PDB file of N, CA and C in Angstrom:
ATOM      1  N   MET A   1     -18.238  18.920 -38.988  1.00  0.00           N
ATOM      2  CA  MET A   1     -18.302  19.019 -37.544  1.00  0.00           C
ATOM      3  C   MET A   1     -17.655  20.331 -37.137  1.00  0.00           C
ATOM      4  N   THR A   2     -18.346  21.070 -36.289  1.00  0.00           N
ATOM      5  CA  THR A   2     -17.826  22.360 -35.849  1.00  0.00           C
ATOM      6  C   THR A   2     -16.761  22.157 -34.776  1.00  0.00           C
ATOM      7  N   GLU A   3     -16.027  23.217 -34.541  1.00  0.00           N
ATOM      8  CA  GLU A   3     -14.984  23.170 -33.517  1.00  0.00           C
ATOM      9  C   GLU A   3     -15.588  22.885 -32.147  1.00  0.00           C
ATOM     10  N   LYS A   4     -16.743  23.469 -31.854  1.00  0.00           N
ATOM     11  CA  LYS A   4     -17.411  23.257 -30.567  1.00  0.00           C
ATOM     12  C   LYS A   4     -17.811  21.780 -30.418  1.00  0.00           C
ATOM     13  N   ASN A   5     -18.336  21.179 -31.482  1.00  0.00           N
ATOM     14  CA  ASN A   5     -18.700  19.766 -31.439  1.00  0.00           C
ATOM     15  C   ASN A   5     -17.467  18.876 -31.235  1.00  0.00           C
ATOM     16  N   MET A   6     -16.369  19.253 -31.882  1.00  0.00           N
ATOM     17  CA  MET A   6     -15.132  18.485 -31.714  1.00  0.00           C
ATOM     18  C   MET A   6     -14.636  18.575 -30.274  1.00  0.00           C
ATOM     19  N   GLU A   7     -14.749  19.751 -29.658  1.00  0.00           N
ATOM     20  CA  GLU A   7     -14.339  19.913 -28.266  1.00  0.00           C
ATOM     21  C   GLU A   7     -15.209  19.065 -27.339  1.00  0.00           C
ATOM     22  N   LYS A   8     -16.519  19.041 -27.595  1.00  0.00           N
ATOM     23  CA  LYS A   8     -17.421  18.220 -26.782  1.00  0.00           C
ATOM     24  C   LYS A   8     -17.060  16.741 -26.924  1.00  0.00           C
ATOM     25  N   LEU A   9     -16.802  16.319 -28.151  1.00  0.00           N
ATOM     26  CA  LEU A   9     -16.422  14.932 -28.393  1.00  0.00           C
ATOM     27  C   LEU A   9     -15.107  14.604 -27.684  1.00  0.00           C
ATOM     28  N   ALA A  10     -14.156  15.498 -27.757  1.00  0.00           N
ATOM     29  CA  ALA A  10     -12.872  15.296 -27.086  1.00  0.00           C
ATOM     30  C   ALA A  10     -13.077  15.206 -25.572  1.00  0.00           C
ATOM     31  N   ASP A  11     -13.945  16.053 -25.007  1.00  0.00           N
ATOM     32  CA  ASP A  11     -14.234  16.014 -23.571  1.00  0.00           C
ATOM     33  C   ASP A  11     -14.843  14.673 -23.171  1.00  0.00           C
ATOM     34  N   VAL A  12     -15.756  14.169 -23.983  1.00  0.00           N
ATOM     35  CA  VAL A  12     -16.392  12.881 -23.697  1.00  0.00           C
ATOM     36  C   VAL A  12     -15.352  11.760 -23.747  1.00  0.00           C
ATOM     37  N   ILE A  13     -14.490  11.784 -24.746  1.00  0.00           N
ATOM     38  CA  ILE A  13     -13.453  10.760 -24.872  1.00  0.00           C
ATOM     39  C   ILE A  13     -12.514  10.797 -23.677  1.00  0.00           C
ATOM     40  N   VAL A  14     -12.076  11.989 -23.296  1.00  0.00           N
ATOM     41  CA  VAL A  14     -11.166  12.126 -22.157  1.00  0.00           C
ATOM     42  C   VAL A  14     -11.849  11.646 -20.875  1.00  0.00           C
ATOM     43  N   LYS A  15     -13.111  12.002 -20.695  1.00  0.00           N
ATOM     44  CA  LYS A  15     -13.848  11.588 -19.495  1.00  0.00           C
ATOM     45  C   LYS A  15     -13.925  10.068 -19.427  1.00  0.00           C
ATOM     46  N   ARG A  16     -14.277   9.428 -20.529  1.00  0.00           N
ATOM     47  CA  ARG A  16     -14.377   7.966 -20.556  1.00  0.00           C
ATOM     48  C   ARG A  16     -13.015   7.313 -20.349  1.00  0.00           C
ATOM     49  N   PHE A  17     -11.981   7.916 -20.896  1.00  0.00           N
ATOM     50  CA  PHE A  17     -10.631   7.404 -20.724  1.00  0.00           C
ATOM     51  C   PHE A  17     -10.251   7.397 -19.248  1.00  0.00           C
ATOM     52  N   PHE A  18     -10.485   8.509 -18.555  1.00  0.00           N
ATOM     53  CA  PHE A  18     -10.143   8.585 -17.135  1.00  0.00           C
ATOM     54  C   PHE A  18     -11.037   7.692 -16.283  1.00  0.00           C
ATOM     55  N   GLU A  19     -12.286   7.505 -16.670  1.00  0.00           N
ATOM     56  CA  GLU A  19     -13.157   6.577 -15.945  1.00  0.00           C
ATOM     57  C   GLU A  19     -12.619   5.154 -16.060  1.00  0.00           C
ATOM     58  N   ARG A  20     -12.155   4.788 -17.244  1.00  0.00           N
ATOM     59  CA  ARG A  20     -11.589   3.455 -17.449  1.00  0.00           C
ATOM     60  C   ARG A  20     -10.306   3.289 -16.637  1.00  0.00           C
ATOM     61  N   ILE A  21      -9.447   4.294 -16.630  1.00  0.00           N
ATOM     62  CA  ILE A  21      -8.212   4.231 -15.838  1.00  0.00           C
ATOM     63  C   ILE A  21      -8.557   4.089 -14.359  1.00  0.00           C
ATOM     64  N   ASP A  22      -9.538   4.854 -13.890  1.00  0.00           N
ATOM     65  CA  ASP A  22      -9.954   4.782 -12.487  1.00  0.00           C
ATOM     66  C   ASP A  22     -10.465   3.392 -12.136  1.00  0.00           C
ATOM     67  N   ALA A  23     -11.270   2.809 -12.990  1.00  0.00           N
ATOM     68  CA  ALA A  23     -11.796   1.461 -12.745  1.00  0.00           C
ATOM     69  C   ALA A  23     -10.670   0.427 -12.717  1.00  0.00           C
ATOM     70  N   ASP A  24      -9.730   0.537 -13.642  1.00  0.00           N
ATOM     71  CA  ASP A  24      -8.589  -0.384 -13.671  1.00  0.00           C
ATOM     72  C   ASP A  24      -7.739  -0.245 -12.413  1.00  0.00           C
ATOM     73  N   THR A  25      -7.520   0.985 -11.977  1.00  0.00           N
ATOM     74  CA  THR A  25      -6.733   1.235 -10.767  1.00  0.00           C
ATOM     75  C   THR A  25      -7.409   0.640  -9.547  1.00  0.00           C
ATOM     76  N   LYS A  26      -8.709   0.824  -9.431  1.00  0.00           N
ATOM     77  CA  LYS A  26      -9.440   0.245  -8.291  1.00  0.00           C
ATOM     78  C   LYS A  26      -9.332  -1.276  -8.304  1.00  0.00           C
ATOM     79  N   ALA A  27      -9.441  -1.885  -9.454  1.00  0.00           N
ATOM     80  CA  ALA A  27      -9.337  -3.342  -9.553  1.00  0.00           C
ATOM     81  C   ALA A  27      -7.944  -3.817  -9.151  1.00  0.00           C
ATOM     82  N   MET A  28      -6.908  -3.136  -9.604  1.00  0.00           N
ATOM     83  CA  MET A  28      -5.547  -3.518  -9.254  1.00  0.00           C
ATOM     84  C   MET A  28      -5.306  -3.336  -7.768  1.00  0.00           C
ATOM     85  N   ASN A  29      -5.805  -2.253  -7.176  1.00  0.00           N
ATOM     86  CA  ASN A  29      -5.625  -2.013  -5.748  1.00  0.00           C
ATOM     87  C   ASN A  29      -6.308  -3.083  -4.920  1.00  0.00           C
ATOM     88  N   SER A  30      -7.503  -3.510  -5.313  1.00  0.00           N
ATOM     89  CA  SER A  30      -8.201  -4.531  -4.537  1.00  0.00           C
ATOM     90  C   SER A  30      -7.436  -5.849  -4.596  1.00  0.00           C
ATOM     91  N   GLU A  31      -6.845  -6.191  -5.745  1.00  0.00           N
ATOM     92  CA  GLU A  31      -6.026  -7.398  -5.840  1.00  0.00           C
ATOM     93  C   GLU A  31      -4.799  -7.283  -4.948  1.00  0.00           C
ATOM     94  N   PHE A  32      -4.167  -6.117  -4.931  1.00  0.00           N
ATOM     95  CA  PHE A  32      -2.970  -5.901  -4.120  1.00  0.00           C
ATOM     96  C   PHE A  32      -3.295  -6.024  -2.642  1.00  0.00           C
ATOM     97  N   ILE A  33      -4.397  -5.435  -2.196  1.00  0.00           N
ATOM     98  CA  ILE A  33      -4.779  -5.475  -0.785  1.00  0.00           C
ATOM     99  C   ILE A  33      -5.059  -6.902  -0.351  1.00  0.00           C
ATOM    100  N   ASP A  34      -5.658  -7.706  -1.212  1.00  0.00           N
ATOM    101  CA  ASP A  34      -5.944  -9.102  -0.872  1.00  0.00           C
ATOM    102  C   ASP A  34      -4.674  -9.909  -0.678  1.00  0.00           C
ATOM    103  N   GLU A  35      -3.583  -9.495  -1.289  1.00  0.00           N
ATOM    104  CA  GLU A  35      -2.325 -10.232  -1.201  1.00  0.00           C
ATOM    105  C   GLU A  35      -1.445  -9.794  -0.033  1.00  0.00           C
ATOM    106  N   LEU A  36      -1.810  -8.737   0.665  1.00  0.00           N
ATOM    107  CA  LEU A  36      -0.993  -8.262   1.785  1.00  0.00           C
ATOM    108  C   LEU A  36      -1.060  -9.239   2.953  1.00  0.00           C
ATOM    109  N   PRO A  37       0.079  -9.481   3.620  1.00  0.00           N
ATOM    110  CA  PRO A  37       0.036 -10.345   4.799  1.00  0.00           C
ATOM    111  C   PRO A  37      -0.686  -9.637   5.950  1.00  0.00           C
ATOM    112  N   ASP A  38      -1.292 -10.419   6.824  1.00  0.00           N
ATOM    113  CA  ASP A  38      -1.984  -9.814   7.962  1.00  0.00           C
ATOM    114  C   ASP A  38      -0.959  -9.263   8.962  1.00  0.00           C
ATOM    115  N   ASN A  39      -1.437  -8.509   9.926  1.00  0.00           N
ATOM    116  CA  ASN A  39      -0.547  -7.841  10.875  1.00  0.00           C
ATOM    117  C   ASN A  39       0.259  -8.843  11.701  1.00  0.00           C
ATOM    118  N   GLU A  40      -0.359  -9.965  12.082  1.00  0.00           N
ATOM    119  CA  GLU A  40       0.347 -10.964  12.874  1.00  0.00           C
ATOM    120  C   GLU A  40       1.524 -11.554  12.098  1.00  0.00           C
ATOM    121  N   THR A  41       1.328 -11.822  10.826  1.00  0.00           N
ATOM    122  CA  THR A  41       2.409 -12.339   9.981  1.00  0.00           C
ATOM    123  C   THR A  41       3.515 -11.304   9.848  1.00  0.00           C
ATOM    124  N   GLN A  42       3.139 -10.055   9.648  1.00  0.00           N
ATOM    125  CA  GLN A  42       4.142  -8.990   9.539  1.00  0.00           C
ATOM    126  C   GLN A  42       4.943  -8.882  10.829  1.00  0.00           C
ATOM    127  N   LEU A  43       4.265  -8.957  11.988  1.00  0.00           N
ATOM    128  CA  LEU A  43       4.968  -8.869  13.271  1.00  0.00           C
ATOM    129  C   LEU A  43       5.945 -10.034  13.440  1.00  0.00           C
ATOM    130  N   ASN A  44       5.521 -11.238  13.096  1.00  0.00           N
ATOM    131  CA  ASN A  44       6.415 -12.399  13.208  1.00  0.00           C
ATOM    132  C   ASN A  44       7.657 -12.220  12.336  1.00  0.00           C
ATOM    133  N   GLU A  45       7.470 -11.752  11.121  1.00  0.00           N
ATOM    134  CA  GLU A  45       8.606 -11.538  10.223  1.00  0.00           C
ATOM    135  C   GLU A  45       9.515 -10.426  10.723  1.00  0.00           C
ATOM    136  N   LEU A  46       8.922  -9.379  11.262  1.00  0.00           N
ATOM    137  CA  LEU A  46       9.735  -8.281  11.801  1.00  0.00           C
ATOM    138  C   LEU A  46      10.535  -8.728  13.016  1.00  0.00           C
ATOM    139  N   HIS A  47       9.958  -9.565  13.866  1.00  0.00           N
ATOM    140  CA  HIS A  47      10.698 -10.078  15.030  1.00  0.00           C
ATOM    141  C   HIS A  47      11.874 -10.945  14.580  1.00  0.00           C
ATOM    142  N   LEU A  48      11.675 -11.757  13.537  1.00  0.00           N
ATOM    143  CA  LEU A  48      12.790 -12.552  13.002  1.00  0.00           C
ATOM    144  C   LEU A  48      13.892 -11.647  12.457  1.00  0.00           C
ATOM    145  N   LEU A  49      13.490 -10.619  11.746  1.00  0.00           N
ATOM    146  CA  LEU A  49      14.461  -9.676  11.196  1.00  0.00           C
ATOM    147  C   LEU A  49      15.198  -8.942  12.306  1.00  0.00           C
ATOM    148  N   LEU A  50      14.482  -8.587  13.354  1.00  0.00           N
ATOM    149  CA  LEU A  50      15.102  -7.913  14.498  1.00  0.00           C
ATOM    150  C   LEU A  50      16.173  -8.806  15.125  1.00  0.00           C
ATOM    151  N   ARG A  51      15.844 -10.073  15.352  1.00  0.00           N
ATOM    152  CA  ARG A  51      16.835 -11.009  15.926  1.00  0.00           C
ATOM    153  C   ARG A  51      18.048 -11.151  15.015  1.00  0.00           C
ATOM    154  N   HIS A  52      17.815 -11.186  13.707  1.00  0.00           N
ATOM    155  CA  HIS A  52      18.920 -11.282  12.752  1.00  0.00           C
ATOM    156  C   HIS A  52      19.863 -10.086  12.889  1.00  0.00           C
ATOM    157  N   TYR A  53      19.304  -8.891  12.943  1.00  0.00           N
ATOM    158  CA  TYR A  53      20.150  -7.690  13.063  1.00  0.00           C
ATOM    159  C   TYR A  53      20.856  -7.627  14.413  1.00  0.00           C
ATOM    160  N   GLU A  54      20.170  -8.064  15.469  1.00  0.00           N
ATOM    161  CA  GLU A  54      20.807  -8.040  16.787  1.00  0.00           C
ATOM    162  C   GLU A  54      21.981  -9.014  16.847  1.00  0.00           C
ATOM    163  N   ARG A  55      21.817 -10.198  16.260  1.00  0.00           N
ATOM    164  CA  ARG A  55      22.915 -11.190  16.240  1.00  0.00           C
ATOM    165  C   ARG A  55      24.103 -10.658  15.458  1.00  0.00           C
ATOM    166  N   GLY A  56      23.835  -9.946  14.392  1.00  0.00           N
ATOM    167  CA  GLY A  56      24.908  -9.380  13.582  1.00  0.00           C
ATOM    168  C   GLY A  56      25.410  -8.055  14.119  1.00  0.00           C
ATOM    169  N   GLU A  57      24.881  -7.634  15.253  1.00  0.00           N
ATOM    170  CA  GLU A  57      25.245  -6.371  15.899  1.00  0.00           C
ATOM    171  C   GLU A  57      25.073  -5.180  14.968  1.00  0.00           C
ATOM    172  N   ASP A  58      24.056  -5.260  14.147  1.00  0.00           N
ATOM    173  CA  ASP A  58      23.698  -4.142  13.265  1.00  0.00           C
ATOM    174  C   ASP A  58      22.591  -3.363  13.962  1.00  0.00           C
ATOM    175  N   TYR A  59      23.002  -2.537  14.900  1.00  0.00           N
ATOM    176  CA  TYR A  59      22.034  -1.904  15.797  1.00  0.00           C
ATOM    177  C   TYR A  59      21.233  -0.789  15.142  1.00  0.00           C
ATOM    178  N   ILE A  60      21.741  -0.198  14.101  1.00  0.00           N
ATOM    179  CA  ILE A  60      20.979   0.845  13.404  1.00  0.00           C
ATOM    180  C   ILE A  60      19.764   0.218  12.720  1.00  0.00           C
ATOM    181  N   ASN A  61      20.001  -0.869  11.970  1.00  0.00           N
ATOM    182  CA  ASN A  61      18.869  -1.548  11.330  1.00  0.00           C
ATOM    183  C   ASN A  61      17.956  -2.185  12.364  1.00  0.00           C
ATOM    184  N   ALA A  62      18.531  -2.700  13.443  1.00  0.00           N
ATOM    185  CA  ALA A  62      17.715  -3.285  14.510  1.00  0.00           C
ATOM    186  C   ALA A  62      16.787  -2.223  15.110  1.00  0.00           C
ATOM    187  N   ALA A  63      17.299  -1.037  15.292  1.00  0.00           N
ATOM    188  CA  ALA A  63      16.476   0.044  15.851  1.00  0.00           C
ATOM    189  C   ALA A  63      15.346   0.413  14.890  1.00  0.00           C
ATOM    190  N   ASN A  64      15.641   0.429  13.604  1.00  0.00           N
ATOM    191  CA  ASN A  64      14.600   0.738  12.616  1.00  0.00           C
ATOM    192  C   ASN A  64      13.513  -0.334  12.604  1.00  0.00           C
ATOM    193  N   VAL A  65      13.915  -1.595  12.682  1.00  0.00           N
ATOM    194  CA  VAL A  65      12.937  -2.685  12.707  1.00  0.00           C
ATOM    195  C   VAL A  65      12.134  -2.622  14.005  1.00  0.00           C
ATOM    196  N   PHE A  66      12.800  -2.341  15.120  1.00  0.00           N
ATOM    197  CA  PHE A  66      12.097  -2.221  16.401  1.00  0.00           C
ATOM    198  C   PHE A  66      11.043  -1.107  16.340  1.00  0.00           C
ATOM    199  N   ALA A  67      11.391  -0.007  15.715  1.00  0.00           N
ATOM    200  CA  ALA A  67      10.429   1.094  15.565  1.00  0.00           C
ATOM    201  C   ALA A  67       9.239   0.657  14.707  1.00  0.00           C
ATOM    202  N   ALA A  68       9.503  -0.111  13.655  1.00  0.00           N
ATOM    203  CA  ALA A  68       8.417  -0.610  12.808  1.00  0.00           C
ATOM    204  C   ALA A  68       7.515  -1.563  13.587  1.00  0.00           C
ATOM    205  N   ILE A  69       8.111  -2.397  14.432  1.00  0.00           N
ATOM    206  CA  ILE A  69       7.330  -3.314  15.271  1.00  0.00           C
ATOM    207  C   ILE A  69       6.430  -2.533  16.211  1.00  0.00           C
ATOM    208  N   LYS A  70       6.991  -1.551  16.883  1.00  0.00           N
ATOM    209  CA  LYS A  70       6.197  -0.747  17.832  1.00  0.00           C
ATOM    210  C   LYS A  70       5.068  -0.018  17.112  1.00  0.00           C
ATOM    211  N   LYS A  71       5.345   0.500  15.942  1.00  0.00           N
ATOM    212  CA  LYS A  71       4.323   1.214  15.169  1.00  0.00           C
ATOM    213  C   LYS A  71       3.180   0.272  14.800  1.00  0.00           C
ATOM    214  N   LEU A  72       3.522  -0.933  14.364  1.00  0.00           N
ATOM    215  CA  LEU A  72       2.501  -1.912  13.989  1.00  0.00           C
ATOM    216  C   LEU A  72       1.725  -2.398  15.214  1.00  0.00           C
ATOM    217  N   GLU A  73       2.428  -2.598  16.336  1.00  0.00           N
ATOM    218  CA  GLU A  73       1.740  -3.003  17.570  1.00  0.00           C
ATOM    219  C   GLU A  73       0.787  -1.916  18.047  1.00  0.00           C
ATOM    220  N   ASP A  74       1.217  -0.661  17.975  1.00  0.00           N
ATOM    221  CA  ASP A  74       0.343   0.447  18.363  1.00  0.00           C
ATOM    222  C   ASP A  74      -0.878   0.520  17.446  1.00  0.00           C
ATOM    223  N   LYS A  75      -0.668   0.288  16.170  1.00  0.00           N
ATOM    224  CA  LYS A  75      -1.760   0.281  15.213  1.00  0.00           C
ATOM    225  C   LYS A  75      -2.750  -0.839  15.547  1.00  0.00           C
ATOM    226  N   ASN A  76      -2.214  -2.020  15.928  1.00  0.00           N
ATOM    227  CA  ASN A  76      -3.070  -3.141  16.303  1.00  0.00           C
ATOM    228  C   ASN A  76      -3.881  -2.832  17.558  1.00  0.00           C
ATOM    229  N   LYS A  77      -3.282  -2.106  18.490  1.00  0.00           N
ATOM    230  CA  LYS A  77      -4.010  -1.727  19.712  1.00  0.00           C
ATOM    231  C   LYS A  77      -5.113  -0.752  19.397  1.00  0.00           C
ATOM    232  N   LYS A  78      -4.826   0.158  18.484  1.00  0.00           N
ATOM    233  CA  LYS A  78      -5.802   1.187  18.111  1.00  0.00           C
ATOM    234  C   LYS A  78      -6.943   0.610  17.269  1.00  0.00           C
ATOM    235  N   TYR A  79      -6.580  -0.286  16.353  1.00  0.00           N
ATOM    236  CA  TYR A  79      -7.576  -0.891  15.443  1.00  0.00           C
ATOM    237  C   TYR A  79      -7.456  -2.404  15.486  1.00  0.00           C
ATOM    238  N   PRO A  80      -7.887  -3.045  16.572  1.00  0.00           N
ATOM    239  CA  PRO A  80      -7.751  -4.503  16.669  1.00  0.00           C
ATOM    240  C   PRO A  80      -8.579  -5.227  15.609  1.00  0.00           C
ATOM    241  N   GLY A  81      -8.062  -6.392  15.222  1.00  0.00           N
ATOM    242  CA  GLY A  81      -8.804  -7.226  14.272  1.00  0.00           C
ATOM    243  C   GLY A  81      -8.360  -6.967  12.919  1.00  0.00           C
TER     244      GLY A  81
END
């Protein structure tokens, strides 16, 4: 086998390797997306967390959670459903 043939074979192997990795990644991502909670569930959990921080007077974390709530609510307004 010539050096040129070996390079072609190596290119084919590398191409197939990356195609397989890409397919595996897409499959894992689709499983992950299916497991994500919907926006309403996330908002409910964030509101509970916000109340927890407010009761504990942890206003820095409360402000961060409030910002996350507003961001998610704005996203819901922009892309309802």
